[in-house]
Amino acid sequence: MNVMTIAIIAGSILVTVLITVATLVFVAKVVGNFQKAAQNTSNLMNHGVPAQARILGVRDLGGSIQMGGQMPQHRLQLDLEVYPTNAPPYRASPTQLISMLHVSRIQTGAVVPVRFDASAPANVALVL
């Protein structure tokens, strides 16, 4: 083999390795975001303050994930007007994983139960 052939082979291997690493980093970041959203929702369900909220808008952030044997879940950003029991209403725009079973319940204008973090009220999750 001559030097040019070796350089082409080495370059091809390097490009393949770089593409593989970039893909793995991207996938890890996406999965990490999904896991963070799921953990946040779980924490709010266990420790959050109950309230009601009106859905003002819904944006599908793209992507879905299926964890374990569960139904696929979509990542949605919700524009909410939250009505705490002993405080004035406020707006929040949380991101939450929503099961395909519940997506049809997420309609603009609907009033839904939520839980929020008393120390960070913008941290809100729908109770589904």
C-alpha atoms as a PDB file:
ATOM      1  CA  MET A   1       0.000   0.000   0.000  1.00  0.00           C
ATOM      2  CA  ASN A   2       1.160   3.449  -0.727  1.00  0.00           C
ATOM      3  CA  VAL A   3       0.967   6.457   1.579  1.00  0.00           C
ATOM      4  CA  MET A   4      -2.095   7.930  -0.203  1.00  0.00           C
ATOM      5  CA  THR A   5      -4.125   4.739   0.282  1.00  0.00           C
ATOM      6  CA  ILE A   6      -3.205   4.589   3.974  1.00  0.00           C
ATOM      7  CA  ALA A   7      -4.163   8.259   4.410  1.00  0.00           C
ATOM      8  CA  ILE A   8      -7.561   7.677   2.749  1.00  0.00           C
ATOM      9  CA  ILE A   9      -8.257   4.632   4.931  1.00  0.00           C
ATOM     10  CA  ALA A  10      -7.156   6.466   8.106  1.00  0.00           C
ATOM     11  CA  GLY A  11      -9.282   9.495   7.175  1.00  0.00           C
ATOM     12  CA  SER A  12     -12.319   7.308   6.515  1.00  0.00           C
ATOM     13  CA  ILE A  13     -11.913   5.590   9.873  1.00  0.00           C
ATOM     14  CA  LEU A  14     -11.510   8.934  11.642  1.00  0.00           C
ATOM     15  CA  VAL A  15     -14.652  10.383  10.010  1.00  0.00           C
ATOM     16  CA  THR A  16     -16.623   7.246  10.927  1.00  0.00           C
ATOM     17  CA  VAL A  17     -15.456   7.446  14.555  1.00  0.00           C
ATOM     18  CA  LEU A  18     -16.322  11.161  14.764  1.00  0.00           C
ATOM     19  CA  ILE A  19     -19.813  10.603  13.327  1.00  0.00           C
ATOM     20  CA  THR A  20     -20.399   7.709  15.738  1.00  0.00           C
ATOM     21  CA  VAL A  21     -19.275   9.752  18.760  1.00  0.00           C
ATOM     22  CA  ALA A  22     -21.418  12.733  17.717  1.00  0.00           C
ATOM     23  CA  THR A  23     -24.455  10.471  17.300  1.00  0.00           C
ATOM     24  CA  LEU A  24     -23.933   8.866  20.714  1.00  0.00           C
ATOM     25  CA  VAL A  25     -23.551  12.282  22.386  1.00  0.00           C
ATOM     26  CA  PHE A  26     -26.754  13.507  20.701  1.00  0.00           C
ATOM     27  CA  VAL A  27     -28.728  10.412  21.733  1.00  0.00           C
ATOM     28  CA  ALA A  28     -27.439  10.657  25.314  1.00  0.00           C
ATOM     29  CA  LYS A  29     -28.498  14.308  25.494  1.00  0.00           C
ATOM     30  CA  VAL A  30     -32.002  13.581  24.151  1.00  0.00           C
ATOM     31  CA  VAL A  31     -32.516  10.620  26.492  1.00  0.00           C
ATOM     32  CA  GLY A  32     -31.173  12.715  29.395  1.00  0.00           C
ATOM     33  CA  ASN A  33     -33.726  15.447  28.648  1.00  0.00           C
ATOM     34  CA  PHE A  34     -36.535  12.892  28.616  1.00  0.00           C
ATOM     35  CA  GLN A  35     -35.330  11.399  31.896  1.00  0.00           C
ATOM     36  CA  LYS A  36     -35.033  14.845  33.493  1.00  0.00           C
ATOM     37  CA  ALA A  37     -38.616  15.706  32.509  1.00  0.00           C
ATOM     38  CA  ALA A  38     -39.889  12.380  33.868  1.00  0.00           C
ATOM     39  CA  GLN A  39     -38.001  12.832  37.155  1.00  0.00           C
ATOM     40  CA  ASN A  40     -39.296  16.397  37.563  1.00  0.00           C
ATOM     41  CA  THR A  41     -42.883  15.234  37.049  1.00  0.00           C
ATOM     42  CA  SER A  42     -42.403  12.389  39.516  1.00  0.00           C
ATOM     43  CA  ASN A  43     -41.005  14.772  42.163  1.00  0.00           C
ATOM     44  CA  LEU A  44     -43.933  17.156  41.711  1.00  0.00           C
ATOM     45  CA  MET A  45     -46.465  14.316  41.988  1.00  0.00           C
ATOM     46  CA  ASN A  46     -44.901  13.279  45.297  1.00  0.00           C
ATOM     47  CA  HIS A  47     -44.145  16.677  46.831  1.00  0.00           C
ATOM     48  CA  GLY A  48     -45.963  19.363  44.842  1.00  0.00           C
ATOM     49  CA  VAL A  49     -48.808  21.603  45.999  1.00  0.00           C
ATOM     50  CA  PRO A  50     -52.157  20.738  44.354  1.00  0.00           C
ATOM     51  CA  ALA A  51     -53.907  23.382  42.239  1.00  0.00           C
ATOM     52  CA  GLN A  52     -56.009  23.799  39.105  1.00  0.00           C
ATOM     53  CA  ALA A  53     -54.792  25.220  35.805  1.00  0.00           C
ATOM     54  CA  ARG A  54     -56.321  26.250  32.505  1.00  0.00           C
ATOM     55  CA  ILE A  55     -54.461  25.100  29.393  1.00  0.00           C
ATOM     56  CA  LEU A  56     -53.756  28.168  27.258  1.00  0.00           C
ATOM     57  CA  GLY A  57     -51.684  26.395  24.612  1.00  0.00           C
ATOM     58  CA  VAL A  58     -49.796  23.224  23.759  1.00  0.00           C
ATOM     59  CA  ARG A  59     -46.626  22.772  21.701  1.00  0.00           C
ATOM     60  CA  ASP A  60     -45.263  19.406  20.664  1.00  0.00           C
ATOM     61  CA  LEU A  61     -41.486  19.651  21.128  1.00  0.00           C
ATOM     62  CA  GLY A  62     -40.971  16.622  18.934  1.00  0.00           C
ATOM     63  CA  GLY A  63     -39.863  13.183  19.769  1.00  0.00           C
ATOM     64  CA  SER A  64     -41.339  10.478  21.874  1.00  0.00           C
ATOM     65  CA  ILE A  65     -39.878   7.843  24.122  1.00  0.00           C
ATOM     66  CA  GLN A  66     -41.064   4.477  25.345  1.00  0.00           C
ATOM     67  CA  MET A  67     -39.630   3.427  28.699  1.00  0.00           C
ATOM     68  CA  GLY A  68     -40.086  -0.077  30.003  1.00  0.00           C
ATOM     69  CA  GLY A  69     -43.372  -1.576  28.855  1.00  0.00           C
ATOM     70  CA  GLN A  70     -45.211   1.765  28.998  1.00  0.00           C
ATOM     71  CA  MET A  71     -47.040   3.511  26.191  1.00  0.00           C
ATOM     72  CA  PRO A  72     -44.935   5.988  24.198  1.00  0.00           C
ATOM     73  CA  GLN A  73     -44.733   9.435  25.777  1.00  0.00           C
ATOM     74  CA  HIS A  74     -44.548  12.727  23.894  1.00  0.00           C
ATOM     75  CA  ARG A  75     -42.634  15.762  25.117  1.00  0.00           C
ATOM     76  CA  LEU A  76     -45.027  18.725  25.210  1.00  0.00           C
ATOM     77  CA  GLN A  77     -44.619  22.302  26.347  1.00  0.00           C
ATOM     78  CA  LEU A  78     -47.785  23.539  28.021  1.00  0.00           C
ATOM     79  CA  ASP A  79     -48.824  27.148  28.462  1.00  0.00           C
ATOM     80  CA  LEU A  80     -50.860  27.219  31.675  1.00  0.00           C
ATOM     81  CA  GLU A  81     -52.644  29.687  33.884  1.00  0.00           C
ATOM     82  CA  VAL A  82     -52.285  28.191  37.365  1.00  0.00           C
ATOM     83  CA  TYR A  83     -54.845  28.903  40.102  1.00  0.00           C
ATOM     84  CA  PRO A  84     -53.271  28.197  43.515  1.00  0.00           C
ATOM     85  CA  THR A  85     -55.688  28.006  46.449  1.00  0.00           C
ATOM     86  CA  ASN A  86     -54.301  30.912  48.493  1.00  0.00           C
ATOM     87  CA  ALA A  87     -52.487  33.010  45.896  1.00  0.00           C
ATOM     88  CA  PRO A  88     -53.238  34.948  42.726  1.00  0.00           C
ATOM     89  CA  PRO A  89     -53.204  33.092  39.388  1.00  0.00           C
ATOM     90  CA  TYR A  90     -49.973  33.035  37.402  1.00  0.00           C
ATOM     91  CA  ARG A  91     -48.712  31.707  34.090  1.00  0.00           C
ATOM     92  CA  ALA A  92     -46.220  28.895  33.623  1.00  0.00           C
ATOM     93  CA  SER A  93     -44.882  26.984  30.622  1.00  0.00           C
ATOM     94  CA  PRO A  94     -43.660  23.602  31.846  1.00  0.00           C
ATOM     95  CA  THR A  95     -42.353  20.810  29.636  1.00  0.00           C
ATOM     96  CA  GLN A  96     -43.815  17.417  30.442  1.00  0.00           C
ATOM     97  CA  LEU A  97     -43.840  13.898  29.040  1.00  0.00           C
ATOM     98  CA  ILE A  98     -47.445  12.969  28.263  1.00  0.00           C
ATOM     99  CA  SER A  99     -48.515   9.395  27.598  1.00  0.00           C
ATOM    100  CA  MET A 100     -50.255   8.762  24.289  1.00  0.00           C
ATOM    101  CA  LEU A 101     -53.242   7.640  26.372  1.00  0.00           C
ATOM    102  CA  HIS A 102     -53.604  11.161  27.802  1.00  0.00           C
ATOM    103  CA  VAL A 103     -52.701  13.369  24.831  1.00  0.00           C
ATOM    104  CA  SER A 104     -56.361  13.708  23.806  1.00  0.00           C
ATOM    105  CA  ARG A 105     -57.146  15.236  27.247  1.00  0.00           C
ATOM    106  CA  ILE A 106     -54.647  18.048  26.696  1.00  0.00           C
ATOM    107  CA  GLN A 107     -56.892  20.592  24.958  1.00  0.00           C
ATOM    108  CA  THR A 108     -56.662  24.381  24.930  1.00  0.00           C
ATOM    109  CA  GLY A 109     -59.221  25.781  27.372  1.00  0.00           C
ATOM    110  CA  ALA A 110     -59.441  22.643  29.513  1.00  0.00           C
ATOM    111  CA  VAL A 111     -59.111  23.011  33.288  1.00  0.00           C
ATOM    112  CA  VAL A 112     -56.857  20.310  34.700  1.00  0.00           C
ATOM    113  CA  PRO A 113     -55.402  19.361  38.078  1.00  0.00           C
ATOM    114  CA  VAL A 114     -51.724  20.238  38.527  1.00  0.00           C
ATOM    115  CA  ARG A 115     -49.054  20.201  41.181  1.00  0.00           C
ATOM    116  CA  PHE A 116     -46.460  22.924  41.574  1.00  0.00           C
ATOM    117  CA  ASP A 117     -43.307  23.533  43.558  1.00  0.00           C
ATOM    118  CA  ALA A 118     -44.084  26.111  46.285  1.00  0.00           C
ATOM    119  CA  SER A 119     -40.469  27.356  46.243  1.00  0.00           C
ATOM    120  CA  ALA A 120     -40.416  27.614  42.412  1.00  0.00           C
ATOM    121  CA  PRO A 121     -44.041  28.080  41.271  1.00  0.00           C
ATOM    122  CA  ALA A 122     -43.134  28.020  37.576  1.00  0.00           C
ATOM    123  CA  ASN A 123     -42.254  24.340  38.090  1.00  0.00           C
ATOM    124  CA  VAL A 124     -45.659  22.776  37.350  1.00  0.00           C
ATOM    125  CA  ALA A 125     -46.863  19.348  36.219  1.00  0.00           C
ATOM    126  CA  LEU A 126     -50.252  18.093  35.085  1.00  0.00           C
ATOM    127  CA  VAL A 127     -51.781  15.357  37.185  1.00  0.00           C
ATOM    128  CA  LEU A 128     -52.826  12.688  34.707  1.00  0.00           C
END
